[in-house]
C-alpha atoms as a PDB file:
ATOM      1  CA  UNK A   1     -54.296 -34.151 -68.301  1.00  0.00           C
ATOM      2  CA  UNK A   2     -52.637 -36.235 -71.016  1.00  0.00           C
ATOM      3  CA  UNK A   3     -51.954 -39.977 -70.891  1.00  0.00           C
ATOM      4  CA  UNK A   4     -48.269 -39.505 -70.033  1.00  0.00           C
ATOM      5  CA  UNK A   5     -49.117 -37.349 -67.007  1.00  0.00           C
ATOM      6  CA  UNK A   6     -51.711 -39.852 -65.822  1.00  0.00           C
ATOM      7  CA  UNK A   7     -49.215 -42.665 -66.304  1.00  0.00           C
ATOM      8  CA  UNK A   8     -46.601 -40.800 -64.292  1.00  0.00           C
ATOM      9  CA  UNK A   9     -49.091 -40.214 -61.469  1.00  0.00           C
ATOM     10  CA  UNK A  10     -50.091 -43.889 -61.447  1.00  0.00           C
ATOM     11  CA  UNK A  11     -46.453 -44.970 -61.421  1.00  0.00           C
ATOM     12  CA  UNK A  12     -45.700 -42.662 -58.496  1.00  0.00           C
ATOM     13  CA  UNK A  13     -48.679 -43.977 -56.545  1.00  0.00           C
ATOM     14  CA  UNK A  14     -47.778 -47.622 -57.247  1.00  0.00           C
ATOM     15  CA  UNK A  15     -44.205 -46.966 -56.145  1.00  0.00           C
ATOM     16  CA  UNK A  16     -45.379 -45.300 -52.926  1.00  0.00           C
ATOM     17  CA  UNK A  17     -47.804 -48.144 -52.255  1.00  0.00           C
ATOM     18  CA  UNK A  18     -45.040 -50.682 -52.856  1.00  0.00           C
ATOM     19  CA  UNK A  19     -42.798 -48.850 -50.402  1.00  0.00           C
ATOM     20  CA  UNK A  20     -45.503 -49.052 -47.731  1.00  0.00           C
ATOM     21  CA  UNK A  21     -45.878 -52.812 -48.239  1.00  0.00           C
ATOM     22  CA  UNK A  22     -42.093 -53.319 -48.113  1.00  0.00           C
ATOM     23  CA  UNK A  23     -41.827 -51.204 -44.952  1.00  0.00           C
ATOM     24  CA  UNK A  24     -44.529 -53.237 -43.198  1.00  0.00           C
ATOM     25  CA  UNK A  25     -43.057 -56.590 -44.324  1.00  0.00           C
ATOM     26  CA  UNK A  26     -39.607 -55.623 -43.003  1.00  0.00           C
ATOM     27  CA  UNK A  27     -41.144 -54.621 -39.669  1.00  0.00           C
ATOM     28  CA  UNK A  28     -43.224 -57.821 -39.420  1.00  0.00           C
ATOM     29  CA  UNK A  29     -40.268 -60.107 -40.171  1.00  0.00           C
ATOM     30  CA  UNK A  30     -38.037 -58.302 -37.675  1.00  0.00           C
ATOM     31  CA  UNK A  31     -40.671 -58.329 -34.927  1.00  0.00           C
ATOM     32  CA  UNK A  32     -41.524 -62.020 -35.299  1.00  0.00           C
ATOM     33  CA  UNK A  33     -37.899 -63.111 -34.943  1.00  0.00           C
ATOM     34  CA  UNK A  34     -37.330 -60.695 -32.079  1.00  0.00           C
ATOM     35  CA  UNK A  35     -40.493 -61.831 -30.266  1.00  0.00           C
ATOM     36  CA  UNK A  36     -39.419 -65.484 -30.273  1.00  0.00           C
ATOM     37  CA  UNK A  37     -35.915 -64.624 -29.066  1.00  0.00           C
ATOM     38  CA  UNK A  38     -37.248 -62.368 -26.299  1.00  0.00           C
ATOM     39  CA  UNK A  39     -39.686 -65.032 -25.112  1.00  0.00           C
ATOM     40  CA  UNK A  40     -36.900 -67.626 -24.815  1.00  0.00           C
ATOM     41  CA  UNK A  41     -34.611 -65.135 -23.065  1.00  0.00           C
ATOM     42  CA  UNK A  42     -37.425 -64.093 -20.708  1.00  0.00           C
ATOM     43  CA  UNK A  43     -38.060 -67.695 -19.650  1.00  0.00           C
ATOM     44  CA  UNK A  44     -34.339 -68.379 -19.135  1.00  0.00           C
ATOM     45  CA  UNK A  45     -33.643 -65.171 -17.189  1.00  0.00           C
ATOM     46  CA  UNK A  46     -36.960 -65.011 -15.339  1.00  0.00           C
ATOM     47  CA  UNK A  47     -37.276 -61.349 -16.345  1.00  0.00           C
ATOM     48  CA  UNK A  48     -40.788 -59.897 -16.466  1.00  0.00           C
ATOM     49  CA  UNK A  49     -39.454 -56.991 -18.543  1.00  0.00           C
ATOM     50  CA  UNK A  50     -38.186 -59.440 -21.170  1.00  0.00           C
ATOM     51  CA  UNK A  51     -41.546 -61.215 -21.222  1.00  0.00           C
ATOM     52  CA  UNK A  52     -43.241 -57.827 -21.584  1.00  0.00           C
ATOM     53  CA  UNK A  53     -40.932 -57.047 -24.479  1.00  0.00           C
ATOM     54  CA  UNK A  54     -41.799 -60.428 -26.030  1.00  0.00           C
ATOM     55  CA  UNK A  55     -45.501 -59.550 -25.757  1.00  0.00           C
ATOM     56  CA  UNK A  56     -44.675 -56.142 -27.244  1.00  0.00           C
ATOM     57  CA  UNK A  57     -42.989 -57.726 -30.273  1.00  0.00           C
ATOM     58  CA  UNK A  58     -45.725 -60.345 -30.745  1.00  0.00           C
ATOM     59  CA  UNK A  59     -48.320 -57.536 -30.648  1.00  0.00           C
ATOM     60  CA  UNK A  60     -46.283 -55.582 -33.193  1.00  0.00           C
ATOM     61  CA  UNK A  61     -46.156 -58.656 -35.457  1.00  0.00           C
ATOM     62  CA  UNK A  62     -49.946 -59.022 -35.322  1.00  0.00           C
ATOM     63  CA  UNK A  63     -50.233 -55.290 -35.949  1.00  0.00           C
ATOM     64  CA  UNK A  64     -48.081 -55.508 -39.067  1.00  0.00           C
ATOM     65  CA  UNK A  65     -50.083 -58.472 -40.414  1.00  0.00           C
ATOM     66  CA  UNK A  66     -53.272 -56.442 -39.967  1.00  0.00           C
ATOM     67  CA  UNK A  67     -51.630 -53.479 -41.710  1.00  0.00           C
ATOM     68  CA  UNK A  68     -50.661 -55.724 -44.644  1.00  0.00           C
ATOM     69  CA  UNK A  69     -54.290 -56.819 -44.869  1.00  0.00           C
ATOM     70  CA  UNK A  70     -55.311 -53.163 -44.818  1.00  0.00           C
ATOM     71  CA  UNK A  71     -52.916 -52.274 -47.642  1.00  0.00           C
ATOM     72  CA  UNK A  72     -54.045 -55.157 -49.850  1.00  0.00           C
ATOM     73  CA  UNK A  73     -57.800 -54.818 -49.334  1.00  0.00           C
ATOM     74  CA  UNK A  74     -57.798 -51.046 -49.822  1.00  0.00           C
ATOM     75  CA  UNK A  75     -56.276 -51.483 -53.298  1.00  0.00           C
ATOM     76  CA  UNK A  76     -59.443 -53.092 -54.697  1.00  0.00           C
ATOM     77  CA  UNK A  77     -60.957 -50.927 -57.463  1.00  0.00           C
ATOM     78  CA  UNK A  78     -64.345 -49.269 -57.075  1.00  0.00           C
ATOM     79  CA  UNK A  79     -67.387 -51.269 -58.170  1.00  0.00           C
ATOM     80  CA  UNK A  80     -71.170 -50.904 -58.206  1.00  0.00           C
ATOM     81  CA  UNK A  81     -71.466 -51.965 -54.568  1.00  0.00           C
ATOM     82  CA  UNK A  82     -68.694 -49.599 -53.444  1.00  0.00           C
ATOM     83  CA  UNK A  83     -68.690 -46.718 -55.957  1.00  0.00           C
ATOM     84  CA  UNK A  84     -66.208 -44.662 -53.912  1.00  0.00           C
ATOM     85  CA  UNK A  85     -63.746 -47.529 -53.683  1.00  0.00           C
ATOM     86  CA  UNK A  86     -62.328 -49.486 -50.764  1.00  0.00           C
ATOM     87  CA  UNK A  87     -59.848 -46.906 -49.473  1.00  0.00           C
ATOM     88  CA  UNK A  88     -61.676 -46.553 -46.159  1.00  0.00           C
ATOM     89  CA  UNK A  89     -61.207 -50.256 -45.395  1.00  0.00           C
ATOM     90  CA  UNK A  90     -57.534 -49.511 -44.790  1.00  0.00           C
ATOM     91  CA  UNK A  91     -58.465 -47.591 -41.651  1.00  0.00           C
ATOM     92  CA  UNK A  92     -60.762 -50.325 -40.320  1.00  0.00           C
ATOM     93  CA  UNK A  93     -57.895 -52.833 -40.317  1.00  0.00           C
ATOM     94  CA  UNK A  94     -55.466 -50.211 -39.040  1.00  0.00           C
ATOM     95  CA  UNK A  95     -57.853 -49.537 -36.141  1.00  0.00           C
ATOM     96  CA  UNK A  96     -57.832 -53.256 -35.338  1.00  0.00           C
ATOM     97  CA  UNK A  97     -54.028 -53.057 -35.385  1.00  0.00           C
ATOM     98  CA  UNK A  98     -54.160 -50.308 -32.748  1.00  0.00           C
ATOM     99  CA  UNK A  99     -56.444 -52.512 -30.639  1.00  0.00           C
ATOM    100  CA  UNK A 100     -53.942 -55.378 -30.993  1.00  0.00           C
ATOM    101  CA  UNK A 101     -51.181 -53.100 -29.698  1.00  0.00           C
ATOM    102  CA  UNK A 102     -53.358 -52.176 -26.721  1.00  0.00           C
ATOM    103  CA  UNK A 103     -54.572 -55.667 -25.802  1.00  0.00           C
ATOM    104  CA  UNK A 104     -51.598 -57.797 -26.835  1.00  0.00           C
ATOM    105  CA  UNK A 105     -48.866 -55.456 -25.666  1.00  0.00           C
ATOM    106  CA  UNK A 106     -49.973 -52.786 -23.202  1.00  0.00           C
ATOM    107  CA  UNK A 107     -52.404 -54.821 -21.090  1.00  0.00           C
ATOM    108  CA  UNK A 108     -50.035 -57.794 -20.753  1.00  0.00           C
ATOM    109  CA  UNK A 109     -47.053 -55.580 -19.888  1.00  0.00           C
ATOM    110  CA  UNK A 110     -48.982 -53.644 -17.236  1.00  0.00           C
ATOM    111  CA  UNK A 111     -50.361 -56.849 -15.727  1.00  0.00           C
ATOM    112  CA  UNK A 112     -46.939 -58.508 -15.692  1.00  0.00           C
ATOM    113  CA  UNK A 113     -45.328 -55.437 -14.133  1.00  0.00           C
ATOM    114  CA  UNK A 114     -47.931 -55.181 -11.366  1.00  0.00           C
ATOM    115  CA  UNK A 115     -47.691 -58.937 -10.696  1.00  0.00           C
ATOM    116  CA  UNK A 116     -43.896 -58.690 -10.401  1.00  0.00           C
ATOM    117  CA  UNK A 117     -44.082 -55.763  -7.980  1.00  0.00           C
ATOM    118  CA  UNK A 118     -46.596 -57.610  -5.783  1.00  0.00           C
ATOM    119  CA  UNK A 119     -45.303 -61.198  -5.919  1.00  0.00           C
ATOM    120  CA  UNK A 120     -41.657 -60.594  -6.760  1.00  0.00           C
ATOM    121  CA  UNK A 121     -39.617 -62.782  -9.102  1.00  0.00           C
ATOM    122  CA  UNK A 122     -36.598 -65.055  -9.071  1.00  0.00           C
ATOM    123  CA  UNK A 123     -33.828 -63.614 -11.181  1.00  0.00           C
ATOM    124  CA  UNK A 124     -31.927 -65.939 -13.492  1.00  0.00           C
ATOM    125  CA  UNK A 125     -28.878 -65.449 -15.703  1.00  0.00           C
ATOM    126  CA  UNK A 126     -29.375 -62.156 -17.586  1.00  0.00           C
ATOM    127  CA  UNK A 127     -26.591 -62.762 -20.133  1.00  0.00           C
ATOM    128  CA  UNK A 128     -28.898 -64.297 -22.747  1.00  0.00           C
ATOM    129  CA  UNK A 129     -31.324 -61.397 -22.298  1.00  0.00           C
ATOM    130  CA  UNK A 130     -28.573 -58.829 -22.845  1.00  0.00           C
ATOM    131  CA  UNK A 131     -27.505 -60.588 -26.058  1.00  0.00           C
ATOM    132  CA  UNK A 132     -31.094 -60.747 -27.335  1.00  0.00           C
ATOM    133  CA  UNK A 133     -31.674 -57.084 -26.466  1.00  0.00           C
ATOM    134  CA  UNK A 134     -28.549 -56.045 -28.381  1.00  0.00           C
ATOM    135  CA  UNK A 135     -29.571 -58.024 -31.483  1.00  0.00           C
ATOM    136  CA  UNK A 136     -33.149 -56.737 -31.213  1.00  0.00           C
ATOM    137  CA  UNK A 137     -31.895 -53.154 -31.011  1.00  0.00           C
ATOM    138  CA  UNK A 138     -30.024 -53.584 -34.304  1.00  0.00           C
ATOM    139  CA  UNK A 139     -32.996 -55.205 -36.080  1.00  0.00           C
ATOM    140  CA  UNK A 140     -35.513 -52.679 -34.757  1.00  0.00           C
ATOM    141  CA  UNK A 141     -33.152 -49.881 -35.747  1.00  0.00           C
ATOM    142  CA  UNK A 142     -32.989 -51.202 -39.322  1.00  0.00           C
ATOM    143  CA  UNK A 143     -36.785 -51.486 -39.491  1.00  0.00           C
ATOM    144  CA  UNK A 144     -37.177 -47.948 -38.125  1.00  0.00           C
ATOM    145  CA  UNK A 145     -34.624 -46.633 -40.613  1.00  0.00           C
ATOM    146  CA  UNK A 146     -36.639 -48.147 -43.494  1.00  0.00           C
ATOM    147  CA  UNK A 147     -39.880 -46.573 -42.264  1.00  0.00           C
ATOM    148  CA  UNK A 148     -38.313 -43.170 -41.575  1.00  0.00           C
ATOM    149  CA  UNK A 149     -36.692 -43.159 -45.021  1.00  0.00           C
ATOM    150  CA  UNK A 150     -40.078 -43.657 -46.679  1.00  0.00           C
ATOM    151  CA  UNK A 151     -41.777 -41.088 -44.444  1.00  0.00           C
ATOM    152  CA  UNK A 152     -39.064 -38.501 -45.138  1.00  0.00           C
ATOM    153  CA  UNK A 153     -39.425 -39.094 -48.873  1.00  0.00           C
ATOM    154  CA  UNK A 154     -43.182 -38.543 -48.688  1.00  0.00           C
ATOM    155  CA  UNK A 155     -42.698 -35.447 -46.514  1.00  0.00           C
ATOM    156  CA  UNK A 156     -40.266 -34.010 -49.068  1.00  0.00           C
ATOM    157  CA  UNK A 157     -42.749 -34.718 -51.878  1.00  0.00           C
ATOM    158  CA  UNK A 158     -45.361 -32.633 -50.040  1.00  0.00           C
ATOM    159  CA  UNK A 159     -42.770 -30.008 -48.986  1.00  0.00           C
ATOM    160  CA  UNK A 160     -43.753 -30.575 -45.347  1.00  0.00           C
ATOM    161  CA  UNK A 161     -41.570 -30.879 -42.225  1.00  0.00           C
ATOM    162  CA  UNK A 162     -41.063 -34.512 -41.196  1.00  0.00           C
ATOM    163  CA  UNK A 163     -42.773 -34.134 -37.808  1.00  0.00           C
ATOM    164  CA  UNK A 164     -45.796 -32.360 -39.270  1.00  0.00           C
ATOM    165  CA  UNK A 165     -46.121 -34.940 -42.055  1.00  0.00           C
ATOM    166  CA  UNK A 166     -45.978 -37.827 -39.580  1.00  0.00           C
ATOM    167  CA  UNK A 167     -48.628 -36.194 -37.386  1.00  0.00           C
ATOM    168  CA  UNK A 168     -51.119 -35.532 -40.191  1.00  0.00           C
ATOM    169  CA  UNK A 169     -50.360 -38.218 -42.803  1.00  0.00           C
ATOM    170  CA  UNK A 170     -53.301 -40.406 -43.853  1.00  0.00           C
ATOM    171  CA  UNK A 171     -50.799 -43.223 -44.516  1.00  0.00           C
ATOM    172  CA  UNK A 172     -51.354 -44.782 -41.106  1.00  0.00           C
ATOM    173  CA  UNK A 173     -49.407 -47.934 -42.055  1.00  0.00           C
ATOM    174  CA  UNK A 174     -46.105 -46.060 -42.247  1.00  0.00           C
ATOM    175  CA  UNK A 175     -47.077 -43.970 -39.221  1.00  0.00           C
ATOM    176  CA  UNK A 176     -47.738 -47.161 -37.243  1.00  0.00           C
ATOM    177  CA  UNK A 177     -44.376 -48.697 -38.151  1.00  0.00           C
ATOM    178  CA  UNK A 178     -42.463 -45.514 -37.250  1.00  0.00           C
ATOM    179  CA  UNK A 179     -44.217 -45.163 -33.887  1.00  0.00           C
ATOM    180  CA  UNK A 180     -44.045 -48.861 -33.008  1.00  0.00           C
ATOM    181  CA  UNK A 181     -40.379 -49.225 -33.926  1.00  0.00           C
ATOM    182  CA  UNK A 182     -39.528 -46.045 -32.018  1.00  0.00           C
ATOM    183  CA  UNK A 183     -41.442 -47.384 -29.015  1.00  0.00           C
ATOM    184  CA  UNK A 184     -39.671 -50.725 -29.427  1.00  0.00           C
ATOM    185  CA  UNK A 185     -36.239 -49.087 -29.164  1.00  0.00           C
ATOM    186  CA  UNK A 186     -37.290 -47.196 -26.025  1.00  0.00           C
ATOM    187  CA  UNK A 187     -38.820 -50.396 -24.634  1.00  0.00           C
ATOM    188  CA  UNK A 188     -35.541 -52.237 -25.168  1.00  0.00           C
ATOM    189  CA  UNK A 189     -33.778 -49.576 -23.114  1.00  0.00           C
ATOM    190  CA  UNK A 190     -36.413 -49.987 -20.379  1.00  0.00           C
ATOM    191  CA  UNK A 191     -35.895 -53.759 -20.393  1.00  0.00           C
ATOM    192  CA  UNK A 192     -32.115 -53.406 -20.243  1.00  0.00           C
ATOM    193  CA  UNK A 193     -32.468 -50.946 -17.363  1.00  0.00           C
ATOM    194  CA  UNK A 194     -34.731 -53.366 -15.501  1.00  0.00           C
ATOM    195  CA  UNK A 195     -32.275 -56.222 -15.981  1.00  0.00           C
ATOM    196  CA  UNK A 196     -29.337 -54.109 -14.864  1.00  0.00           C
ATOM    197  CA  UNK A 197     -31.213 -52.778 -11.829  1.00  0.00           C
ATOM    198  CA  UNK A 198     -32.158 -56.296 -10.770  1.00  0.00           C
ATOM    199  CA  UNK A 199     -28.611 -57.537 -11.325  1.00  0.00           C
ATOM    200  CA  UNK A 200     -27.096 -54.754  -9.208  1.00  0.00           C
ATOM    201  CA  UNK A 201     -29.641 -54.812  -6.372  1.00  0.00           C
ATOM    202  CA  UNK A 202     -30.848 -58.403  -6.430  1.00  0.00           C
ATOM    203  CA  UNK A 203     -34.440 -57.109  -6.449  1.00  0.00           C
ATOM    204  CA  UNK A 204     -37.113 -57.789  -9.052  1.00  0.00           C
ATOM    205  CA  UNK A 205     -38.697 -54.387  -8.394  1.00  0.00           C
ATOM    206  CA  UNK A 206     -36.664 -52.784 -11.162  1.00  0.00           C
ATOM    207  CA  UNK A 207     -37.861 -55.414 -13.613  1.00  0.00           C
ATOM    208  CA  UNK A 208     -41.466 -54.739 -12.617  1.00  0.00           C
ATOM    209  CA  UNK A 209     -40.994 -50.995 -13.040  1.00  0.00           C
ATOM    210  CA  UNK A 210     -39.494 -51.602 -16.498  1.00  0.00           C
ATOM    211  CA  UNK A 211     -42.556 -53.687 -17.442  1.00  0.00           C
ATOM    212  CA  UNK A 212     -44.862 -50.877 -16.318  1.00  0.00           C
ATOM    213  CA  UNK A 213     -42.846 -48.402 -18.392  1.00  0.00           C
ATOM    214  CA  UNK A 214     -43.158 -50.634 -21.461  1.00  0.00           C
ATOM    215  CA  UNK A 215     -46.914 -50.973 -20.867  1.00  0.00           C
ATOM    216  CA  UNK A 216     -47.367 -47.209 -20.533  1.00  0.00           C
ATOM    217  CA  UNK A 217     -45.381 -46.687 -23.735  1.00  0.00           C
ATOM    218  CA  UNK A 218     -47.612 -49.123 -25.628  1.00  0.00           C
ATOM    219  CA  UNK A 219     -50.726 -47.453 -24.231  1.00  0.00           C
ATOM    220  CA  UNK A 220     -49.545 -44.165 -25.728  1.00  0.00           C
ATOM    221  CA  UNK A 221     -48.804 -45.758 -29.124  1.00  0.00           C
ATOM    222  CA  UNK A 222     -52.210 -47.489 -29.194  1.00  0.00           C
ATOM    223  CA  UNK A 223     -53.946 -44.198 -28.286  1.00  0.00           C
ATOM    224  CA  UNK A 224     -52.167 -42.163 -30.984  1.00  0.00           C
ATOM    225  CA  UNK A 225     -52.806 -44.750 -33.716  1.00  0.00           C
ATOM    226  CA  UNK A 226     -56.394 -45.363 -32.623  1.00  0.00           C
ATOM    227  CA  UNK A 227     -57.176 -41.645 -32.623  1.00  0.00           C
ATOM    228  CA  UNK A 228     -55.601 -41.135 -36.078  1.00  0.00           C
ATOM    229  CA  UNK A 229     -57.556 -43.999 -37.634  1.00  0.00           C
ATOM    230  CA  UNK A 230     -60.813 -42.995 -35.928  1.00  0.00           C
ATOM    231  CA  UNK A 231     -60.457 -39.474 -37.324  1.00  0.00           C
ATOM    232  CA  UNK A 232     -59.973 -40.834 -40.842  1.00  0.00           C
ATOM    233  CA  UNK A 233     -62.878 -43.272 -40.496  1.00  0.00           C
ATOM    234  CA  UNK A 234     -65.217 -40.491 -39.364  1.00  0.00           C
ATOM    235  CA  UNK A 235     -64.008 -38.309 -42.256  1.00  0.00           C
ATOM    236  CA  UNK A 236     -61.060 -35.935 -42.395  1.00  0.00           C
ATOM    237  CA  UNK A 237     -60.998 -32.987 -44.823  1.00  0.00           C
ATOM    238  CA  UNK A 238     -57.959 -31.959 -46.803  1.00  0.00           C
ATOM    239  CA  UNK A 239     -55.667 -29.503 -44.959  1.00  0.00           C
ATOM    240  CA  UNK A 240     -56.930 -25.910 -44.892  1.00  0.00           C
ATOM    241  CA  UNK A 241     -54.180 -24.530 -47.201  1.00  0.00           C
ATOM    242  CA  UNK A 242     -55.208 -27.111 -49.817  1.00  0.00           C
ATOM    243  CA  UNK A 243     -58.893 -26.277 -49.368  1.00  0.00           C
ATOM    244  CA  UNK A 244     -58.154 -22.582 -49.822  1.00  0.00           C
ATOM    245  CA  UNK A 245     -56.184 -23.314 -52.987  1.00  0.00           C
ATOM    246  CA  UNK A 246     -58.960 -25.534 -54.347  1.00  0.00           C
ATOM    247  CA  UNK A 247     -61.525 -22.807 -53.699  1.00  0.00           C
ATOM    248  CA  UNK A 248     -59.312 -20.219 -55.432  1.00  0.00           C
ATOM    249  CA  UNK A 249     -58.736 -22.540 -58.385  1.00  0.00           C
ATOM    250  CA  UNK A 250     -62.479 -23.087 -58.826  1.00  0.00           C
ATOM    251  CA  UNK A 251     -63.214 -19.350 -58.682  1.00  0.00           C
ATOM    252  CA  UNK A 252     -60.673 -18.787 -61.472  1.00  0.00           C
ATOM    253  CA  UNK A 253     -63.076 -20.521 -63.880  1.00  0.00           C
ATOM    254  CA  UNK A 254     -64.341 -18.325 -66.706  1.00  0.00           C
ATOM    255  CA  UNK A 255     -68.042 -18.753 -65.877  1.00  0.00           C
ATOM    256  CA  UNK A 256     -67.783 -19.020 -62.079  1.00  0.00           C
ATOM    257  CA  UNK A 257     -69.125 -16.295 -59.786  1.00  0.00           C
ATOM    258  CA  UNK A 258     -68.436 -17.900 -56.403  1.00  0.00           C
ATOM    259  CA  UNK A 259     -67.910 -21.163 -54.545  1.00  0.00           C
ATOM    260  CA  UNK A 260     -70.799 -21.304 -52.091  1.00  0.00           C
ATOM    261  CA  UNK A 261     -69.833 -24.496 -50.299  1.00  0.00           C
ATOM    262  CA  UNK A 262     -66.752 -26.720 -50.458  1.00  0.00           C
ATOM    263  CA  UNK A 263     -66.505 -30.249 -49.068  1.00  0.00           C
ATOM    264  CA  UNK A 264     -63.338 -32.343 -49.202  1.00  0.00           C
ATOM    265  CA  UNK A 265     -62.735 -35.854 -47.908  1.00  0.00           C
ATOM    266  CA  UNK A 266     -59.534 -37.858 -47.508  1.00  0.00           C
ATOM    267  CA  UNK A 267     -60.257 -41.389 -48.750  1.00  0.00           C
ATOM    268  CA  UNK A 268     -56.725 -42.772 -48.550  1.00  0.00           C
ATOM    269  CA  UNK A 269     -53.042 -41.755 -48.507  1.00  0.00           C
ATOM    270  CA  UNK A 270     -53.193 -40.759 -52.175  1.00  0.00           C
ATOM    271  CA  UNK A 271     -56.934 -40.418 -52.727  1.00  0.00           C
ATOM    272  CA  UNK A 272     -59.319 -37.547 -52.012  1.00  0.00           C
ATOM    273  CA  UNK A 273     -62.796 -36.368 -53.006  1.00  0.00           C
ATOM    274  CA  UNK A 274     -63.841 -32.777 -53.736  1.00  0.00           C
ATOM    275  CA  UNK A 275     -67.470 -31.631 -53.875  1.00  0.00           C
ATOM    276  CA  UNK A 276     -68.651 -28.044 -54.212  1.00  0.00           C
ATOM    277  CA  UNK A 277     -71.766 -25.943 -54.703  1.00  0.00           C
ATOM    278  CA  UNK A 278     -70.796 -23.428 -57.392  1.00  0.00           C
ATOM    279  CA  UNK A 279     -72.615 -20.248 -58.406  1.00  0.00           C
ATOM    280  CA  UNK A 280     -72.188 -19.842 -62.174  1.00  0.00           C
ATOM    281  CA  UNK A 281     -72.899 -16.635 -64.061  1.00  0.00           C
ATOM    282  CA  UNK A 282     -76.569 -16.262 -64.890  1.00  0.00           C
ATOM    283  CA  UNK A 283     -75.751 -15.489 -68.528  1.00  0.00           C
ATOM    284  CA  UNK A 284     -73.842 -18.771 -68.998  1.00  0.00           C
ATOM    285  CA  UNK A 285     -75.497 -21.403 -71.158  1.00  0.00           C
ATOM    286  CA  UNK A 286     -75.969 -25.015 -70.074  1.00  0.00           C
ATOM    287  CA  UNK A 287     -73.193 -26.088 -72.440  1.00  0.00           C
ATOM    288  CA  UNK A 288     -70.818 -23.483 -71.036  1.00  0.00           C
ATOM    289  CA  UNK A 289     -71.540 -24.633 -67.481  1.00  0.00           C
ATOM    290  CA  UNK A 290     -70.932 -28.267 -68.450  1.00  0.00           C
ATOM    291  CA  UNK A 291     -67.564 -27.446 -70.010  1.00  0.00           C
ATOM    292  CA  UNK A 292     -66.685 -25.162 -67.087  1.00  0.00           C
ATOM    293  CA  UNK A 293     -67.243 -28.103 -64.723  1.00  0.00           C
ATOM    294  CA  UNK A 294     -65.112 -30.349 -66.931  1.00  0.00           C
ATOM    295  CA  UNK A 295     -62.334 -27.765 -67.083  1.00  0.00           C
ATOM    296  CA  UNK A 296     -62.401 -27.244 -63.305  1.00  0.00           C
ATOM    297  CA  UNK A 297     -62.156 -31.000 -62.704  1.00  0.00           C
ATOM    298  CA  UNK A 298     -59.197 -31.269 -65.063  1.00  0.00           C
ATOM    299  CA  UNK A 299     -57.331 -28.372 -63.441  1.00  0.00           C
ATOM    300  CA  UNK A 300     -57.967 -29.738 -59.952  1.00  0.00           C
ATOM    301  CA  UNK A 301     -56.567 -33.151 -60.880  1.00  0.00           C
ATOM    302  CA  UNK A 302     -53.549 -31.598 -62.541  1.00  0.00           C
ATOM    303  CA  UNK A 303     -52.789 -29.487 -59.466  1.00  0.00           C
ATOM    304  CA  UNK A 304     -53.636 -32.211 -56.926  1.00  0.00           C
ATOM    305  CA  UNK A 305     -53.099 -35.722 -58.369  1.00  0.00           C
ATOM    306  CA  UNK A 306     -54.607 -37.238 -55.207  1.00  0.00           C
ATOM    307  CA  UNK A 307     -58.000 -35.727 -56.091  1.00  0.00           C
ATOM    308  CA  UNK A 308     -59.700 -38.664 -57.796  1.00  0.00           C
ATOM    309  CA  UNK A 309     -63.333 -37.558 -57.702  1.00  0.00           C
ATOM    310  CA  UNK A 310     -64.735 -34.071 -58.326  1.00  0.00           C
ATOM    311  CA  UNK A 311     -68.446 -33.302 -57.982  1.00  0.00           C
ATOM    312  CA  UNK A 312     -69.611 -29.773 -58.838  1.00  0.00           C
ATOM    313  CA  UNK A 313     -73.216 -28.741 -58.204  1.00  0.00           C
ATOM    314  CA  UNK A 314     -74.406 -25.614 -60.094  1.00  0.00           C
ATOM    315  CA  UNK A 315     -76.318 -23.673 -57.427  1.00  0.00           C
ATOM    316  CA  UNK A 316     -78.071 -20.268 -57.479  1.00  0.00           C
ATOM    317  CA  UNK A 317     -76.114 -17.611 -55.605  1.00  0.00           C
ATOM    318  CA  UNK A 318     -77.374 -15.586 -52.665  1.00  0.00           C
ATOM    319  CA  UNK A 319     -78.576 -12.655 -54.792  1.00  0.00           C
ATOM    320  CA  UNK A 320     -80.469 -14.887 -57.224  1.00  0.00           C
ATOM    321  CA  UNK A 321     -82.091 -16.844 -54.382  1.00  0.00           C
ATOM    322  CA  UNK A 322     -83.335 -13.611 -52.812  1.00  0.00           C
ATOM    323  CA  UNK A 323     -84.648 -12.451 -56.194  1.00  0.00           C
ATOM    324  CA  UNK A 324     -86.558 -15.714 -56.580  1.00  0.00           C
ATOM    325  CA  UNK A 325     -87.842 -15.498 -53.001  1.00  0.00           C
ATOM    326  CA  UNK A 326     -85.920 -18.602 -51.937  1.00  0.00           C
ATOM    327  CA  UNK A 327     -84.305 -19.307 -48.581  1.00  0.00           C
ATOM    328  CA  UNK A 328     -80.652 -18.107 -48.781  1.00  0.00           C
ATOM    329  CA  UNK A 329     -79.673 -21.455 -47.200  1.00  0.00           C
END
């Protein structure tokens, strides 16, 4: 790969990383302002659903701050202490963000909803709450639009359907913003429904039910994000179509007989590792094998710019191992 190609890849990755940071900052700013407004409106109106929504937005703000930390710390270059880089640290902080959504949002909302259903509540003037909900809907919609725009761009770059990309993307920061903003819009509708139900019936039961709905919604978001980050922390391989293409590309090498074992590892949204045990032709010289490995690494990086590290292990094939009286594996 020449310098211009490498420069283009780096520029694309920096642009994508910058978009993720911008998306998270927009979401954090919107959620902080919305959280304060909801808290004031909840106190004035006496609505448990509004207080649950305030907790929801405060939890989202903490989540976004943790995601910003994840984005910044994962950008540190590899060093002697961390030779494979710091990409995995992104998922540690993102996991903490999922925990923040669970504890700060879901638990409080469920508790507040149950408390309202048991003890009841005195309803105040809901006008302020309606105004805050309307403004919050606009701001959350703008934040969601920013996140969806970035996610759609990434999906188009990988020629993948939007839903499939969002489900499998290793960019959990953008995934978190899309899910949390979507949940926020649904939560606002729950809160508005609770306010309207209480206003029409004079009962706080509807407000309590709305709080429980918001809590259940946040539980689902926390579960999805926690599971995604846990999977990436444990170690997720590249998608099977990519693994098949990598295997085929390696076999195309002039001195390669077979790929005996292939291991891939996603290390970040735009970073992956490939390791393989390769059976080279017995007649190949050491120099030919060395250059075959170099050529395979170059072709892999050209085809998949996200592949940063390639480790190829020349290994005797099954027939040669039997000839030498060795264990096939």
